[in-house]
Amino acid sequence: MSSPDEANANANVEEKILQYEKFISDVMRRDLQRLLEQRDSSLQDSQQLKTDVDLGCNFYVQAEVTSCCNPAPSLPVCQRGLVRIFVAVGYGFFVEMTHEEALRFIDKKTNQLTAFTDQLTKDSSKIKANIRMVLEGLRELQGLSDLPESRRREVY
């Protein structure tokens, strides 16, 4: 028969295990899900810089702006003879730019979104590593043996 001290110690271990499991499910997995959603959203934003243009009512076309050598009568032409286009810069705002300005803007925006996506990927990897570390701690607290590689799976 176990002593009251052993029963108390076992109760404390069980309580710690429940706290760790609750922390993993309530905090770490929620944070991981949020970061992965942000990363996916950022990837979609960067893809929109390279894909079709929505003309409205979900009608998409691939846009091509003619050069200034053969301008269409309907295109706006600035004083230097360069065709200007409107570029969506975010939050529903559009800025009139030349081709060169638009290309520089798109390059900077793509680099910014790529850096943001990379940071979110690193953060999600850290959370996955923390989840794995806490799960290993739980395994040790519960006295379970290490699972073979074939039975392991991703935690999220």
Protein backbone atom coordinates (compact mmCIF):
# COMPACT_ATOMS: atom_id res chain seq x y z
CA MET A 1 0.00 0.00 0.00
CA SER A 2 1.34 3.42 -0.88
CA SER A 3 2.03 6.05 1.72
CA PRO A 4 0.14 9.36 1.81
CA ASP A 5 3.30 11.14 0.62
CA GLU A 6 3.50 8.92 -2.48
CA ALA A 7 -0.20 9.46 -3.20
CA ASN A 8 0.27 13.21 -2.82
CA ALA A 9 3.31 13.14 -5.15
CA ASN A 10 1.35 11.11 -7.73
CA ALA A 11 -1.52 13.59 -7.49
CA ASN A 12 0.91 16.46 -8.04
CA VAL A 13 2.39 14.72 -11.09
CA GLU A 14 -1.09 14.06 -12.50
CA GLU A 15 -2.01 17.71 -11.89
CA LYS A 16 1.15 18.88 -13.68
CA ILE A 17 0.41 16.55 -16.60
CA LEU A 18 -3.09 17.99 -16.94
CA GLN A 19 -1.70 21.54 -16.79
CA TYR A 20 0.83 20.81 -19.55
CA GLU A 21 -1.79 19.13 -21.74
CA LYS A 22 -4.14 22.07 -21.25
CA PHE A 23 -1.32 24.51 -22.10
CA ILE A 24 -0.54 22.63 -25.31
CA SER A 25 -4.14 22.48 -26.48
CA ASP A 26 -5.26 25.93 -25.33
CA VAL A 27 -2.22 28.11 -25.98
CA MET A 28 0.42 26.55 -28.17
CA ARG A 29 -1.81 24.95 -30.80
CA ARG A 30 -3.96 28.10 -31.01
CA ASP A 31 -0.84 30.23 -31.53
CA LEU A 32 0.45 27.81 -34.15
CA GLN A 33 -2.88 27.86 -36.00
CA ARG A 34 -2.93 31.68 -35.96
CA LEU A 35 0.62 31.89 -37.33
CA LEU A 36 -0.08 29.36 -40.06
CA GLU A 37 -3.21 31.28 -41.10
CA GLN A 38 -1.21 34.53 -41.22
CA ARG A 39 1.49 32.85 -43.28
CA ASP A 40 -1.07 31.45 -45.73
CA SER A 41 -2.71 34.86 -46.02
CA SER A 42 0.68 36.45 -46.69
CA LEU A 43 1.41 33.88 -49.38
CA GLN A 44 -1.94 34.65 -51.02
CA ASP A 45 -1.15 38.38 -50.93
CA SER A 46 2.17 37.82 -52.69
CA GLN A 47 0.48 35.61 -55.30
CA GLN A 48 -2.01 38.37 -56.05
CA LEU A 49 0.88 40.55 -57.23
CA LYS A 50 1.61 38.02 -59.94
CA THR A 51 -1.84 36.79 -60.98
CA ASP A 52 -5.01 37.94 -62.68
CA VAL A 53 -6.83 41.23 -62.24
CA ASP A 54 -10.40 41.28 -60.90
CA LEU A 55 -12.54 43.51 -63.11
CA GLY A 56 -15.50 43.12 -60.78
CA CYS A 57 -18.11 40.47 -60.06
CA ASN A 58 -15.28 37.92 -59.86
CA PHE A 59 -14.44 38.39 -63.55
CA TYR A 60 -10.66 37.96 -63.86
CA VAL A 61 -8.41 38.80 -66.80
CA GLN A 62 -4.69 38.78 -67.43
CA ALA A 63 -3.76 42.42 -67.86
CA GLU A 64 -1.28 43.66 -70.42
CA VAL A 65 -0.43 47.35 -70.75
CA THR A 66 0.69 48.38 -74.22
CA SER A 67 3.96 50.25 -74.65
CA CYS A 68 4.14 53.96 -75.42
CA CYS A 69 5.23 53.19 -78.98
CA ASN A 70 1.71 52.13 -79.94
CA PRO A 71 -0.62 53.53 -77.29
CA ALA A 72 -4.28 52.66 -77.44
CA PRO A 73 -6.54 55.74 -77.64
CA SER A 74 -8.22 54.89 -74.34
CA LEU A 75 -4.99 54.71 -72.28
CA PRO A 76 -3.84 57.73 -70.26
CA VAL A 77 -0.51 59.13 -71.45
CA CYS A 78 1.58 61.43 -69.27
CA GLN A 79 3.66 64.40 -70.45
CA ARG A 80 6.74 62.26 -71.12
CA GLY A 81 4.80 59.90 -73.37
CA LEU A 82 4.83 57.06 -70.82
CA VAL A 83 1.75 55.00 -70.18
CA ARG A 84 0.69 55.18 -66.56
CA ILE A 85 -1.15 52.47 -64.69
CA PHE A 86 -3.00 52.31 -61.40
CA VAL A 87 -1.51 49.98 -58.79
CA ALA A 88 -3.40 48.70 -55.75
CA VAL A 89 -1.20 49.58 -52.76
CA GLY A 90 -3.49 48.20 -50.05
CA TYR A 91 -6.61 49.00 -48.08
CA GLY A 92 -8.48 49.78 -51.31
CA PHE A 93 -6.12 52.58 -52.38
CA PHE A 94 -4.68 52.85 -55.88
CA VAL A 95 -1.69 54.94 -56.97
CA GLU A 96 -0.97 56.05 -60.52
CA MET A 97 2.54 54.93 -61.52
CA THR A 98 4.73 54.50 -64.56
CA HIS A 99 5.81 51.00 -65.55
CA GLU A 100 9.18 51.42 -63.87
CA GLU A 101 7.64 52.73 -60.65
CA ALA A 102 5.12 49.89 -60.63
CA LEU A 103 7.83 47.28 -61.16
CA ARG A 104 9.93 48.74 -58.32
CA PHE A 105 6.86 48.83 -56.06
CA ILE A 106 5.92 45.23 -56.89
CA ASP A 107 9.50 44.08 -56.29
CA LYS A 108 9.62 45.80 -52.88
CA LYS A 109 6.15 44.53 -51.93
CA THR A 110 7.05 40.97 -52.96
CA ASN A 111 10.27 41.11 -50.92
CA GLN A 112 8.37 42.48 -47.91
CA LEU A 113 5.70 39.76 -48.11
CA THR A 114 8.34 37.06 -48.57
CA ALA A 115 10.24 38.26 -45.49
CA PHE A 116 7.00 38.39 -43.49
CA THR A 117 6.08 34.86 -44.62
CA ASP A 118 9.55 33.55 -43.74
CA GLN A 119 9.29 35.06 -40.25
CA LEU A 120 5.87 33.47 -39.72
CA THR A 121 7.27 30.11 -40.87
CA LYS A 122 10.15 30.43 -38.37
CA ASP A 123 7.72 31.36 -35.58
CA SER A 124 5.47 28.39 -36.36
CA SER A 125 8.52 26.09 -36.35
CA LYS A 126 9.45 27.38 -32.89
CA ILE A 127 5.94 26.70 -31.61
CA LYS A 128 6.03 23.18 -33.10
CA ALA A 129 9.38 22.59 -31.36
CA ASN A 130 7.96 23.86 -28.05
CA ILE A 131 4.93 21.57 -28.40
CA ARG A 132 7.23 18.63 -29.06
CA MET A 133 9.40 19.53 -26.05
CA VAL A 134 6.37 19.74 -23.74
CA LEU A 135 5.04 16.44 -25.11
CA GLU A 136 8.43 14.83 -24.40
CA GLY A 137 8.28 16.24 -20.86
CA LEU A 138 4.80 14.77 -20.44
CA ARG A 139 6.06 11.42 -21.72
CA GLU A 140 8.83 11.47 -19.11
CA LEU A 141 6.44 12.52 -16.32
CA GLN A 142 4.08 9.70 -17.21
CA GLY A 143 6.94 7.21 -17.42
CA LEU A 144 6.17 6.20 -21.00
CA SER A 145 8.86 4.69 -23.18
CA ASP A 146 10.00 6.49 -26.32
CA LEU A 147 7.93 5.67 -29.41
CA PRO A 148 9.71 4.13 -32.38
CA GLU A 149 10.22 6.48 -35.36
CA SER A 150 7.58 4.65 -37.42
CA ARG A 151 4.83 5.44 -34.88
CA ARG A 152 5.66 9.14 -34.53
CA ARG A 153 3.62 11.74 -36.33
CA GLU A 154 3.54 15.51 -36.69
CA VAL A 155 2.02 17.21 -33.66
CA TYR A 156 0.12 19.66 -35.84
